Amino acid sequence: MPQGSGLGPTQFIAYTENTTTDIFQKHGIQYHLFADDTQMYSFSQVRDAPALLSRLSDCIGELATSYASIVFS
């Protein structure tokens, strides 16, 4: 959202609501939410990397769907 926009605070609240953190927790992904950025991370043994990549991909897909419903609703 543009700085100073009336929707800025509303969109920020929607973005950081519990749904976002619930999605990270559902997929077992650690995260940090910042004012204009989100970091997600995790770790695994090398042999478990494919499973981790799958979890990260699923998490990103679910977040994208969630954010799209906020923006377009």
C-alpha atoms as a PDB file:
ATOM      1  CA  MET A   1       0.000   0.000   0.000  1.00  0.00           C
ATOM      2  CA  PRO A   2       1.265   3.504  -0.727  1.00  0.00           C
ATOM      3  CA  GLN A   3       2.541   5.426   2.262  1.00  0.00           C
ATOM      4  CA  GLY A   4      -0.213   7.605   3.708  1.00  0.00           C
ATOM      5  CA  SER A   5      -2.949   5.550   2.093  1.00  0.00           C
ATOM      6  CA  GLY A   6      -6.127   5.191   4.100  1.00  0.00           C
ATOM      7  CA  LEU A   7      -6.081   1.481   3.350  1.00  0.00           C
ATOM      8  CA  GLY A   8      -2.514   1.099   4.562  1.00  0.00           C
ATOM      9  CA  PRO A   9      -3.292   0.456   8.233  1.00  0.00           C
ATOM     10  CA  THR A  10      -6.224  -1.800   7.374  1.00  0.00           C
ATOM     11  CA  GLN A  11      -4.209  -3.854   4.925  1.00  0.00           C
ATOM     12  CA  PHE A  12      -1.310  -4.095   7.383  1.00  0.00           C
ATOM     13  CA  ILE A  13      -3.617  -5.462  10.074  1.00  0.00           C
ATOM     14  CA  ALA A  14      -5.093  -7.928   7.602  1.00  0.00           C
ATOM     15  CA  TYR A  15      -1.610  -8.969   6.517  1.00  0.00           C
ATOM     16  CA  THR A  16      -0.358  -9.608  10.038  1.00  0.00           C
ATOM     17  CA  GLU A  17      -3.522 -11.102  11.466  1.00  0.00           C
ATOM     18  CA  ASN A  18      -3.478 -14.506  13.080  1.00  0.00           C
ATOM     19  CA  THR A  19      -4.189 -16.214   9.759  1.00  0.00           C
ATOM     20  CA  THR A  20      -0.648 -15.482   8.601  1.00  0.00           C
ATOM     21  CA  THR A  21       0.975 -16.848  11.730  1.00  0.00           C
ATOM     22  CA  ASP A  22      -1.410 -19.821  11.753  1.00  0.00           C
ATOM     23  CA  ILE A  23      -0.287 -20.760   8.234  1.00  0.00           C
ATOM     24  CA  PHE A  24       3.377 -20.666   9.216  1.00  0.00           C
ATOM     25  CA  GLN A  25       2.695 -22.760  12.304  1.00  0.00           C
ATOM     26  CA  LYS A  26       0.571 -25.249  10.357  1.00  0.00           C
ATOM     27  CA  HIS A  27       3.516 -25.978   8.076  1.00  0.00           C
ATOM     28  CA  GLY A  28       6.110 -25.980  10.881  1.00  0.00           C
ATOM     29  CA  ILE A  29       7.912 -22.932   9.482  1.00  0.00           C
ATOM     30  CA  GLN A  30       9.613 -20.318  11.650  1.00  0.00           C
ATOM     31  CA  TYR A  31       8.961 -16.671  10.771  1.00  0.00           C
ATOM     32  CA  HIS A  32       9.565 -13.012  11.555  1.00  0.00           C
ATOM     33  CA  LEU A  33       7.012 -10.347  10.647  1.00  0.00           C
ATOM     34  CA  PHE A  34       8.320  -6.832  10.065  1.00  0.00           C
ATOM     35  CA  ALA A  35       6.527  -3.628   9.076  1.00  0.00           C
ATOM     36  CA  ASP A  36       7.158  -4.169   5.376  1.00  0.00           C
ATOM     37  CA  ASP A  37       8.677  -7.629   5.175  1.00  0.00           C
ATOM     38  CA  THR A  38       8.153 -11.217   6.233  1.00  0.00           C
ATOM     39  CA  GLN A  39      10.928 -13.750   6.653  1.00  0.00           C
ATOM     40  CA  MET A  40      10.248 -17.455   6.795  1.00  0.00           C
ATOM     41  CA  TYR A  41      12.879 -20.049   7.482  1.00  0.00           C
ATOM     42  CA  SER A  42      13.475 -23.544   8.683  1.00  0.00           C
ATOM     43  CA  PHE A  43      16.249 -26.109   8.821  1.00  0.00           C
ATOM     44  CA  SER A  44      16.714 -29.793   8.151  1.00  0.00           C
ATOM     45  CA  GLN A  45      19.238 -32.497   7.541  1.00  0.00           C
ATOM     46  CA  VAL A  46      20.434 -32.661   3.931  1.00  0.00           C
ATOM     47  CA  ARG A  47      18.598 -35.952   3.458  1.00  0.00           C
ATOM     48  CA  ASP A  48      15.340 -34.238   4.514  1.00  0.00           C
ATOM     49  CA  ALA A  49      15.761 -31.225   2.193  1.00  0.00           C
ATOM     50  CA  PRO A  50      13.123 -32.392  -0.339  1.00  0.00           C
ATOM     51  CA  ALA A  51      10.501 -32.614   2.408  1.00  0.00           C
ATOM     52  CA  LEU A  52      11.496 -29.163   3.698  1.00  0.00           C
ATOM     53  CA  LEU A  53      11.262 -27.678   0.210  1.00  0.00           C
ATOM     54  CA  SER A  54       7.805 -29.201  -0.140  1.00  0.00           C
ATOM     55  CA  ARG A  55       6.672 -27.693   3.194  1.00  0.00           C
ATOM     56  CA  LEU A  56       8.056 -24.276   2.229  1.00  0.00           C
ATOM     57  CA  SER A  57       6.370 -24.431  -1.171  1.00  0.00           C
ATOM     58  CA  ASP A  58       3.035 -25.479   0.333  1.00  0.00           C
ATOM     59  CA  CYS A  59       3.303 -22.688   2.908  1.00  0.00           C
ATOM     60  CA  ILE A  60       4.038 -20.061   0.241  1.00  0.00           C
ATOM     61  CA  GLY A  61       1.097 -21.290  -1.848  1.00  0.00           C
ATOM     62  CA  GLU A  62      -1.285 -21.075   1.089  1.00  0.00           C
ATOM     63  CA  LEU A  63      -0.002 -17.606   2.018  1.00  0.00           C
ATOM     64  CA  ALA A  64      -0.459 -16.414  -1.582  1.00  0.00           C
ATOM     65  CA  THR A  65      -4.041 -17.670  -1.613  1.00  0.00           C
ATOM     66  CA  SER A  66      -4.719 -16.026   1.741  1.00  0.00           C
ATOM     67  CA  TYR A  67      -3.224 -12.668   0.670  1.00  0.00           C
ATOM     68  CA  ALA A  68      -5.095 -12.736  -2.656  1.00  0.00           C
ATOM     69  CA  SER A  69      -8.394 -13.107  -0.819  1.00  0.00           C
ATOM     70  CA  ILE A  70      -7.527 -10.076   1.355  1.00  0.00           C
ATOM     71  CA  VAL A  71      -6.530  -7.866  -1.569  1.00  0.00           C
ATOM     72  CA  PHE A  72      -9.392  -8.821  -3.861  1.00  0.00           C
ATOM     73  CA  SER A  73     -12.203  -8.967  -1.325  1.00  0.00           C
END
